[in-house]
């Protein structure tokens, strides 16, 4: 009897690759997964050093390391057909604040707003100053993520 390696994986769970933090200007998640060679050129060229090897070795943005300045170098260095033109809008992602925000506990913190160059974060006055995101101003750069002491901010669509 001959060994068939393909049958061995029959009962194993397939690992899915997260596409939550793909690079800006990616055409689509499927195009990215189908065509990215995982060469690492985008990791090396990123001036902010926020692109890391993620699930399956695919490049992902880690906003805990800093913000994306949308320089376009990751898209420009790539030889694969996975990016739109860098003159287009980089993505539709925005910042979202969850319930772990310190303001929900009546604790003063404005680290997110102080890091937002676009001034997309403001505070509603009341018993405590709760941050509010202006989606028209937010570009999803992630500058507000790393300074947040409770990791209450996510960048997503």
Protein backbone atom coordinates (compact mmCIF):
# COMPACT_ATOMS: atom_id res chain seq x y z
CA UNK A 1 0.00 0.00 0.00
CA UNK A 2 1.36 3.38 -0.98
CA UNK A 3 1.25 6.39 1.40
CA UNK A 4 -1.00 9.26 0.24
CA UNK A 5 -0.03 12.50 2.02
CA UNK A 6 -3.18 14.28 0.80
CA UNK A 7 -5.42 11.97 2.83
CA UNK A 8 -3.57 12.73 6.05
CA UNK A 9 -5.06 16.25 6.22
CA UNK A 10 -8.61 15.03 5.74
CA UNK A 11 -9.61 15.27 9.40
CA UNK A 12 -7.44 18.23 10.35
CA UNK A 13 -8.99 21.66 10.68
CA UNK A 14 -7.94 23.99 7.89
CA UNK A 15 -6.19 27.06 9.10
CA UNK A 16 -7.76 30.21 7.79
CA UNK A 17 -5.70 33.26 7.04
CA UNK A 18 -6.88 36.49 8.64
CA UNK A 19 -7.38 39.32 6.18
CA UNK A 20 -8.30 41.94 8.78
CA UNK A 21 -5.13 44.04 8.49
CA UNK A 22 -4.11 43.83 4.86
CA UNK A 23 -1.99 46.54 3.33
CA UNK A 24 -3.48 49.72 1.86
CA UNK A 25 -4.48 49.74 -1.81
CA UNK A 26 -5.01 45.96 -1.94
CA UNK A 27 -7.51 45.20 -4.72
CA UNK A 28 -9.27 42.50 -2.72
CA UNK A 29 -8.46 39.98 -0.02
CA UNK A 30 -8.80 37.08 -2.46
CA UNK A 31 -6.54 38.72 -5.05
CA UNK A 32 -4.00 39.36 -2.32
CA UNK A 33 -4.09 35.76 -1.01
CA UNK A 34 -3.94 34.31 -4.52
CA UNK A 35 -1.04 36.44 -5.78
CA UNK A 36 1.14 37.55 -2.85
CA UNK A 37 4.41 35.62 -2.94
CA UNK A 38 5.27 36.52 0.67
CA UNK A 39 8.65 37.80 -0.51
CA UNK A 40 8.92 40.36 2.29
CA UNK A 41 9.85 43.33 0.11
CA UNK A 42 6.99 45.38 1.57
CA UNK A 43 8.20 44.65 5.11
CA UNK A 44 11.67 45.89 4.30
CA UNK A 45 10.56 49.09 2.54
CA UNK A 46 7.97 50.30 5.09
CA UNK A 47 9.44 53.43 6.75
CA UNK A 48 7.13 53.05 9.77
CA UNK A 49 8.07 49.36 10.25
CA UNK A 50 4.43 48.42 10.88
CA UNK A 51 4.20 45.68 8.25
CA UNK A 52 4.83 42.26 9.76
CA UNK A 53 4.54 38.66 8.62
CA UNK A 54 1.06 37.63 9.65
CA UNK A 55 -1.00 34.46 9.24
CA UNK A 56 0.51 32.07 6.73
CA UNK A 57 3.47 34.40 6.20
CA UNK A 58 1.34 37.03 4.48
CA UNK A 59 2.19 40.67 5.24
CA UNK A 60 -0.17 42.46 7.61
CA UNK A 61 -0.21 45.84 9.28
CA UNK A 62 0.29 45.86 13.04
CA UNK A 63 -1.08 49.16 14.35
CA UNK A 64 0.36 48.40 17.79
CA UNK A 65 3.71 49.32 16.23
CA UNK A 66 2.58 52.67 14.85
CA UNK A 67 0.56 54.35 12.16
CA UNK A 68 0.44 54.08 8.40
CA UNK A 69 1.47 57.31 6.70
CA UNK A 70 0.18 56.05 3.33
CA UNK A 71 3.53 56.59 1.64
CA UNK A 72 2.71 53.88 -0.93
CA UNK A 73 6.12 52.26 -0.87
CA UNK A 74 4.65 48.82 -0.08
CA UNK A 75 2.48 48.95 -3.21
CA UNK A 76 5.21 50.42 -5.40
CA UNK A 77 7.82 47.78 -4.59
CA UNK A 78 5.47 44.85 -5.19
CA UNK A 79 5.84 43.04 -8.52
CA UNK A 80 2.50 41.24 -8.20
CA UNK A 81 -0.86 42.54 -9.49
CA UNK A 82 -2.44 42.97 -6.04
CA UNK A 83 -2.58 46.75 -5.57
CA UNK A 84 -4.62 49.57 -7.05
CA UNK A 85 -2.90 52.85 -7.92
CA UNK A 86 -1.57 54.73 -4.91
CA UNK A 87 -3.36 57.82 -6.20
CA UNK A 88 -6.63 56.09 -5.23
CA UNK A 89 -8.06 56.02 -1.71
CA UNK A 90 -5.94 53.52 0.26
CA UNK A 91 -8.89 51.77 1.96
CA UNK A 92 -12.26 52.23 3.61
CA UNK A 93 -11.05 51.36 7.11
CA UNK A 94 -11.88 53.59 10.05
CA UNK A 95 -11.18 53.63 13.78
CA UNK A 96 -13.73 52.05 16.12
CA UNK A 97 -13.73 52.41 19.91
CA UNK A 98 -14.96 49.53 22.05
CA UNK A 99 -16.29 49.43 25.61
CA UNK A 100 -12.87 49.03 27.25
CA UNK A 101 -12.22 52.76 26.70
CA UNK A 102 -11.24 54.41 29.98
CA UNK A 103 -13.81 57.14 29.45
CA UNK A 104 -16.51 54.53 30.04
CA UNK A 105 -15.10 54.14 33.55
CA UNK A 106 -15.02 57.92 34.12
CA UNK A 107 -11.23 57.93 33.84
CA UNK A 108 -9.62 60.89 32.07
CA UNK A 109 -7.63 59.87 29.00
CA UNK A 110 -7.18 61.63 25.69
CA UNK A 111 -4.26 59.72 24.25
CA UNK A 112 -6.18 58.78 21.11
CA UNK A 113 -7.16 62.33 20.21
CA UNK A 114 -3.70 63.70 20.95
CA UNK A 115 -2.21 61.31 18.39
CA UNK A 116 -4.75 62.00 15.62
CA UNK A 117 -3.34 64.44 13.06
CA UNK A 118 -6.60 64.37 11.11
CA UNK A 119 -8.43 65.57 14.23
CA UNK A 120 -11.05 62.89 13.70
CA UNK A 121 -11.39 62.26 17.44
CA UNK A 122 -13.28 64.67 19.63
CA UNK A 123 -14.84 64.34 23.05
CA UNK A 124 -18.48 64.65 23.97
CA UNK A 125 -18.83 66.52 27.21
CA UNK A 126 -20.93 65.02 29.95
CA UNK A 127 -20.16 63.26 33.21
CA UNK A 128 -17.04 62.01 31.48
CA UNK A 129 -15.50 62.98 28.16
CA UNK A 130 -16.28 60.10 25.79
CA UNK A 131 -14.35 60.02 22.51
CA UNK A 132 -16.30 60.33 19.28
CA UNK A 133 -14.91 59.54 15.83
CA UNK A 134 -15.77 61.70 12.84
CA UNK A 135 -15.83 59.13 10.02
CA UNK A 136 -15.51 61.88 7.43
CA UNK A 137 -12.12 62.89 8.86
CA UNK A 138 -10.82 59.46 9.92
CA UNK A 139 -8.54 57.94 7.28
CA UNK A 140 -7.86 54.71 9.17
CA UNK A 141 -4.15 55.44 9.64
CA UNK A 142 -4.09 53.81 13.08
CA UNK A 143 -2.24 56.59 14.90
CA UNK A 144 -4.75 56.30 17.74
CA UNK A 145 -4.26 52.55 18.29
CA UNK A 146 -0.82 52.24 19.88
CA UNK A 147 -1.21 55.08 22.43
CA UNK A 148 -4.47 53.63 23.83
CA UNK A 149 -3.68 52.10 27.24
CA UNK A 150 -6.60 49.65 27.09
CA UNK A 151 -6.38 48.63 23.40
CA UNK A 152 -9.91 49.98 22.97
CA UNK A 153 -9.40 51.08 19.36
CA UNK A 154 -9.49 48.90 16.27
CA UNK A 155 -9.03 49.83 12.63
CA UNK A 156 -11.53 47.99 10.45
CA UNK A 157 -14.12 48.34 7.71
